[in-house]
Amino acid sequence: MFIISNLISAFAELINYLAVTFEFLIVVRWILSLANADPSNNVVQLIVTVTEPLLKPFRKLFPPWKMNGWDISPACALLCLFFIRAFLVKTLFEVAARIR
């Protein structure tokens, strides 16, 4: 059973690393939007390309034009990523510990 436990632990670690990476990229994108970064910059384009699939569903739920111009999609995405790390990752680690 330790093999399944290790597999679940590795999966939890992977989810945790991805969530932390997306959190960092969303914060960087938010800072770049405040600084009016050049959209033709390759780094800015990469960050936008990576984070847009995560932010797009929240923009559909809360369009900026309905929120007086405020784009709250980064805050919603960060909350979801926080929930994933606080609940899903911890639950997976707990399941792996109990299987062992």
C-alpha atoms as a PDB file:
ATOM      1  CA  MET A   1       0.000   0.000   0.000  1.00  0.00           C
ATOM      2  CA  PHE A   2       2.979   2.308   0.424  1.00  0.00           C
ATOM      3  CA  ILE A   3       3.210   2.643  -3.379  1.00  0.00           C
ATOM      4  CA  ILE A   4      -0.301   4.077  -3.588  1.00  0.00           C
ATOM      5  CA  SER A   5       0.465   6.298  -0.602  1.00  0.00           C
ATOM      6  CA  ASN A   6       3.595   7.635  -2.295  1.00  0.00           C
ATOM      7  CA  LEU A   7       1.684   8.185  -5.534  1.00  0.00           C
ATOM      8  CA  ILE A   8      -0.997  10.205  -3.737  1.00  0.00           C
ATOM      9  CA  SER A   9       1.683  12.209  -1.905  1.00  0.00           C
ATOM     10  CA  ALA A  10       3.483  12.963  -5.157  1.00  0.00           C
ATOM     11  CA  PHE A  11       0.207  14.027  -6.776  1.00  0.00           C
ATOM     12  CA  ALA A  12      -0.514  16.325  -3.816  1.00  0.00           C
ATOM     13  CA  GLU A  13       2.966  17.859  -4.086  1.00  0.00           C
ATOM     14  CA  LEU A  14       2.473  18.445  -7.805  1.00  0.00           C
ATOM     15  CA  ILE A  15      -0.874  20.169  -7.227  1.00  0.00           C
ATOM     16  CA  ASN A  16       0.689  22.271  -4.477  1.00  0.00           C
ATOM     17  CA  TYR A  17       3.610  23.381  -6.680  1.00  0.00           C
ATOM     18  CA  LEU A  18       1.277  24.242  -9.551  1.00  0.00           C
ATOM     19  CA  ALA A  19      -1.003  26.234  -7.266  1.00  0.00           C
ATOM     20  CA  VAL A  20       1.919  28.200  -5.799  1.00  0.00           C
ATOM     21  CA  THR A  21       3.269  28.890  -9.289  1.00  0.00           C
ATOM     22  CA  PHE A  22      -0.114  30.123 -10.520  1.00  0.00           C
ATOM     23  CA  GLU A  23      -0.529  32.286  -7.405  1.00  0.00           C
ATOM     24  CA  PHE A  24       2.838  33.901  -8.087  1.00  0.00           C
ATOM     25  CA  LEU A  25       2.079  34.441 -11.784  1.00  0.00           C
ATOM     26  CA  ILE A  26      -1.337  35.971 -11.040  1.00  0.00           C
ATOM     27  CA  VAL A  27       0.202  38.419  -8.566  1.00  0.00           C
ATOM     28  CA  VAL A  28       2.923  39.313 -11.098  1.00  0.00           C
ATOM     29  CA  ARG A  29       0.273  39.819 -13.782  1.00  0.00           C
ATOM     30  CA  TRP A  30      -1.717  42.070 -11.449  1.00  0.00           C
ATOM     31  CA  ILE A  31       1.399  44.157 -10.704  1.00  0.00           C
ATOM     32  CA  LEU A  32       2.208  44.376 -14.421  1.00  0.00           C
ATOM     33  CA  SER A  33      -1.323  45.573 -15.153  1.00  0.00           C
ATOM     34  CA  LEU A  34      -0.966  48.297 -12.515  1.00  0.00           C
ATOM     35  CA  ALA A  35       2.384  49.346 -13.970  1.00  0.00           C
ATOM     36  CA  ASN A  36       0.979  49.454 -17.537  1.00  0.00           C
ATOM     37  CA  ALA A  37       3.636  47.057 -18.806  1.00  0.00           C
ATOM     38  CA  ASP A  38       4.287  46.908 -22.523  1.00  0.00           C
ATOM     39  CA  PRO A  39       1.935  44.235 -23.945  1.00  0.00           C
ATOM     40  CA  SER A  40       4.392  43.473 -26.756  1.00  0.00           C
ATOM     41  CA  ASN A  41       7.057  42.376 -24.250  1.00  0.00           C
ATOM     42  CA  ASN A  42       7.696  38.622 -24.504  1.00  0.00           C
ATOM     43  CA  VAL A  43       7.689  38.090 -20.729  1.00  0.00           C
ATOM     44  CA  VAL A  44       4.382  39.930 -20.345  1.00  0.00           C
ATOM     45  CA  GLN A  45       2.879  37.921 -23.201  1.00  0.00           C
ATOM     46  CA  LEU A  46       4.049  34.671 -21.597  1.00  0.00           C
ATOM     47  CA  ILE A  47       2.518  35.573 -18.223  1.00  0.00           C
ATOM     48  CA  VAL A  48      -0.757  36.600 -19.858  1.00  0.00           C
ATOM     49  CA  THR A  49      -0.850  33.419 -21.954  1.00  0.00           C
ATOM     50  CA  VAL A  50      -0.248  31.192 -18.930  1.00  0.00           C
ATOM     51  CA  THR A  51      -2.693  32.903 -16.555  1.00  0.00           C
ATOM     52  CA  GLU A  52      -5.536  33.742 -18.946  1.00  0.00           C
ATOM     53  CA  PRO A  53      -7.108  30.237 -18.977  1.00  0.00           C
ATOM     54  CA  LEU A  54      -7.418  30.442 -15.189  1.00  0.00           C
ATOM     55  CA  LEU A  55      -8.788  33.999 -15.111  1.00  0.00           C
ATOM     56  CA  LYS A  56     -11.184  33.761 -18.062  1.00  0.00           C
ATOM     57  CA  PRO A  57     -13.958  31.773 -16.297  1.00  0.00           C
ATOM     58  CA  PHE A  58     -14.017  34.320 -13.469  1.00  0.00           C
ATOM     59  CA  ARG A  59     -14.278  37.177 -15.962  1.00  0.00           C
ATOM     60  CA  LYS A  60     -17.345  35.474 -17.415  1.00  0.00           C
ATOM     61  CA  LEU A  61     -18.905  35.266 -13.948  1.00  0.00           C
ATOM     62  CA  PHE A  62     -17.921  38.789 -12.909  1.00  0.00           C
ATOM     63  CA  PRO A  63     -17.427  40.950 -16.012  1.00  0.00           C
ATOM     64  CA  PRO A  64     -15.490  44.156 -15.276  1.00  0.00           C
ATOM     65  CA  TRP A  65     -18.169  46.288 -16.930  1.00  0.00           C
ATOM     66  CA  LYS A  66     -20.686  45.073 -14.334  1.00  0.00           C
ATOM     67  CA  MET A  67     -18.260  45.757 -11.477  1.00  0.00           C
ATOM     68  CA  ASN A  68     -17.725  49.466 -12.304  1.00  0.00           C
ATOM     69  CA  GLY A  69     -14.525  48.665 -14.213  1.00  0.00           C
ATOM     70  CA  TRP A  70     -12.993  46.543 -11.469  1.00  0.00           C
ATOM     71  CA  ASP A  71     -11.529  43.237 -12.611  1.00  0.00           C
ATOM     72  CA  ILE A  72     -11.883  40.950  -9.612  1.00  0.00           C
ATOM     73  CA  SER A  73     -10.967  37.791 -11.514  1.00  0.00           C
ATOM     74  CA  PRO A  74      -7.414  37.678 -10.044  1.00  0.00           C
ATOM     75  CA  ALA A  75      -8.820  37.842  -6.505  1.00  0.00           C
ATOM     76  CA  CYS A  76     -11.322  35.066  -7.270  1.00  0.00           C
ATOM     77  CA  ALA A  77      -8.624  32.898  -8.830  1.00  0.00           C
ATOM     78  CA  LEU A  78      -6.331  33.440  -5.840  1.00  0.00           C
ATOM     79  CA  LEU A  79      -9.143  32.455  -3.481  1.00  0.00           C
ATOM     80  CA  CYS A  80      -9.757  29.257  -5.447  1.00  0.00           C
ATOM     81  CA  LEU A  81      -6.061  28.422  -5.471  1.00  0.00           C
ATOM     82  CA  PHE A  82      -5.925  29.070  -1.727  1.00  0.00           C
ATOM     83  CA  PHE A  83      -8.866  26.686  -1.251  1.00  0.00           C
ATOM     84  CA  ILE A  84      -7.131  24.050  -3.374  1.00  0.00           C
ATOM     85  CA  ARG A  85      -3.999  24.312  -1.259  1.00  0.00           C
ATOM     86  CA  ALA A  86      -5.811  24.509   2.078  1.00  0.00           C
ATOM     87  CA  PHE A  87      -8.318  21.737   1.439  1.00  0.00           C
ATOM     88  CA  LEU A  88      -7.439  19.462  -1.475  1.00  0.00           C
ATOM     89  CA  VAL A  89      -3.683  19.217  -0.952  1.00  0.00           C
ATOM     90  CA  LYS A  90      -3.985  18.707   2.794  1.00  0.00           C
ATOM     91  CA  THR A  91      -6.712  16.121   2.279  1.00  0.00           C
ATOM     92  CA  LEU A  92      -4.563  14.197  -0.194  1.00  0.00           C
ATOM     93  CA  PHE A  93      -1.619  14.203   2.214  1.00  0.00           C
ATOM     94  CA  GLU A  94      -3.909  12.987   4.999  1.00  0.00           C
ATOM     95  CA  VAL A  95      -5.277  10.181   2.800  1.00  0.00           C
ATOM     96  CA  ALA A  96      -1.738   9.162   1.876  1.00  0.00           C
ATOM     97  CA  ALA A  97      -0.716   9.094   5.549  1.00  0.00           C
ATOM     98  CA  ARG A  98      -3.701   6.925   6.493  1.00  0.00           C
ATOM     99  CA  ILE A  99      -3.078   4.440   3.673  1.00  0.00           C
ATOM    100  CA  ARG A 100       0.497   3.946   4.785  1.00  0.00           C
END
